[in-house]
Amino acid sequence: MTLPTFNPPTEPTIGLENKPEIKLLKADFGDGYTQSSPDGLNHIRKVINLTWDVLYQDDCAEILNFFNERAGYLPFYYQLPDETQPTKYTCEEWSDKYIQADYRSVAATFRQSFTLEI
């Protein structure tokens, strides 16, 4: 089964944050000396925080439904505006906020997925 691509109804708000997670194996020795090495082949994981500041109810529901369907552990593809190819992610954390009568905002954290599924 092919993984779905997340195509939100509108682009995320400008200012998305990319904060990679880096997994290292470290050994601390005396006199402040440390030795580090990567923990696995994919020791640098892209983590991006996206927000949609003002969404209509229907657009918000479309985004939230996609996240709920993926249930926090099923991967999907998403292409950042400045990238040429999509990257595989999971989304374990998201929230929505009521702004006023017909408007809401959504925030989500995407973590790069290294699963073998394509």
Protein backbone atom coordinates (compact mmCIF):
# COMPACT_ATOMS: atom_id res chain seq x y z
CA MET A 1 0.00 0.00 0.00
CA THR A 2 1.34 3.41 -0.99
CA LEU A 3 1.74 6.04 1.71
CA PRO A 4 -0.52 9.09 1.40
CA THR A 5 0.82 12.58 0.84
CA PHE A 6 -0.34 15.32 3.18
CA ASN A 7 -1.65 18.19 1.05
CA PRO A 8 -3.23 20.70 3.41
CA PRO A 9 -5.93 22.97 1.97
CA THR A 10 -3.66 25.96 2.60
CA GLU A 11 0.09 26.44 3.11
CA PRO A 12 1.32 26.66 6.71
CA THR A 13 1.96 30.08 8.19
CA ILE A 14 5.35 31.55 7.36
CA GLY A 15 7.97 30.84 10.02
CA LEU A 16 7.95 27.06 10.36
CA GLU A 17 10.65 25.76 12.68
CA ASN A 18 13.12 22.99 11.81
CA LYS A 19 14.82 21.60 14.92
CA PRO A 20 16.62 18.30 14.21
CA GLU A 21 16.89 15.53 16.80
CA ILE A 22 20.40 14.12 16.96
CA LYS A 23 21.04 10.72 18.56
CA LEU A 24 24.59 10.19 19.77
CA LEU A 25 26.37 7.61 21.86
CA LYS A 26 28.58 9.43 24.38
CA ALA A 27 31.23 8.32 26.78
CA ASP A 28 32.39 10.81 29.44
CA PHE A 29 35.92 10.41 30.75
CA GLY A 30 37.89 12.27 33.38
CA ASP A 31 39.16 15.84 32.96
CA GLY A 32 36.14 16.81 30.83
CA TYR A 33 37.08 14.57 27.89
CA THR A 34 34.14 13.10 25.96
CA GLN A 35 33.96 10.76 23.03
CA SER A 36 30.88 10.73 20.78
CA SER A 37 29.68 8.72 17.81
CA PRO A 38 26.41 8.54 15.85
CA ASP A 39 23.74 6.21 17.22
CA GLY A 40 22.69 4.34 14.07
CA LEU A 41 22.64 5.12 10.38
CA ASN A 42 19.91 7.77 10.62
CA HIS A 43 21.09 9.60 13.70
CA ILE A 44 19.85 13.01 12.50
CA ARG A 45 16.05 13.23 12.30
CA LYS A 46 14.33 16.26 10.81
CA VAL A 47 11.68 17.67 13.18
CA ILE A 48 9.51 20.51 11.94
CA ASN A 49 6.88 22.56 13.74
CA LEU A 50 4.13 23.89 11.50
CA THR A 51 1.23 26.20 12.26
CA TRP A 52 -1.81 27.33 10.37
CA ASP A 53 -2.80 30.55 12.15
CA VAL A 54 -6.20 31.25 10.58
CA LEU A 55 -8.28 28.45 9.09
CA TYR A 56 -11.89 28.11 8.15
CA GLN A 57 -13.71 25.33 10.04
CA ASP A 58 -13.72 23.00 6.99
CA ASP A 59 -9.99 23.45 6.32
CA CYS A 60 -9.23 22.81 9.99
CA ALA A 61 -11.36 19.66 9.96
CA GLU A 62 -9.56 18.38 6.84
CA ILE A 63 -6.14 18.78 8.49
CA LEU A 64 -7.26 17.26 11.80
CA ASN A 65 -8.95 14.34 10.06
CA PHE A 66 -5.72 13.52 8.24
CA PHE A 67 -3.75 13.54 11.53
CA ASN A 68 -6.39 11.40 13.25
CA GLU A 69 -6.39 8.88 10.38
CA ARG A 70 -2.59 8.55 10.64
CA ALA A 71 -3.02 8.03 14.41
CA GLY A 72 0.39 9.38 15.36
CA TYR A 73 2.36 6.37 14.11
CA LEU A 74 1.47 5.83 10.45
CA PRO A 75 3.90 7.62 8.12
CA PHE A 76 2.97 9.98 5.29
CA TYR A 77 4.77 12.16 2.80
CA TYR A 78 4.95 15.94 3.03
CA GLN A 79 6.92 18.38 0.91
CA LEU A 80 8.10 21.59 2.50
CA PRO A 81 7.63 24.69 0.32
CA ASP A 82 11.39 25.07 -0.36
CA GLU A 83 12.17 21.37 -0.99
CA THR A 84 12.18 19.54 -4.33
CA GLN A 85 11.07 16.13 -3.00
CA PRO A 86 8.69 15.03 -0.25
CA THR A 87 10.01 13.58 3.01
CA LYS A 88 8.41 10.80 5.04
CA TYR A 89 7.06 11.94 8.44
CA THR A 90 4.85 10.93 11.32
CA CYS A 91 2.82 13.38 13.41
CA GLU A 92 2.42 12.42 17.08
CA GLU A 93 1.58 15.90 18.34
CA TRP A 94 -1.00 18.38 17.12
CA SER A 95 -3.45 20.83 18.59
CA ASP A 96 -6.22 23.11 17.42
CA LYS A 97 -7.45 26.33 18.91
CA TYR A 98 -10.70 28.20 18.48
CA ILE A 99 -9.98 31.79 17.47
CA GLN A 100 -13.51 33.09 16.95
CA ALA A 101 -16.84 31.95 15.52
CA ASP A 102 -15.71 30.47 12.18
CA TYR A 103 -11.93 30.45 12.54
CA ARG A 104 -9.42 28.09 14.14
CA SER A 105 -5.69 27.54 14.20
CA VAL A 106 -3.70 24.28 14.11
CA ALA A 107 -0.17 23.48 15.28
CA ALA A 108 1.63 20.21 14.52
CA THR A 109 5.05 18.61 14.93
CA PHE A 110 6.30 16.36 12.14
CA ARG A 111 9.15 13.91 12.82
CA GLN A 112 11.02 12.35 9.93
CA SER A 113 10.23 8.65 9.60
CA PHE A 114 12.85 6.12 8.57
CA THR A 115 10.44 3.18 8.16
CA LEU A 116 10.81 0.95 5.12
CA GLU A 117 7.24 1.64 3.99
CA ILE A 118 6.98 3.57 0.72
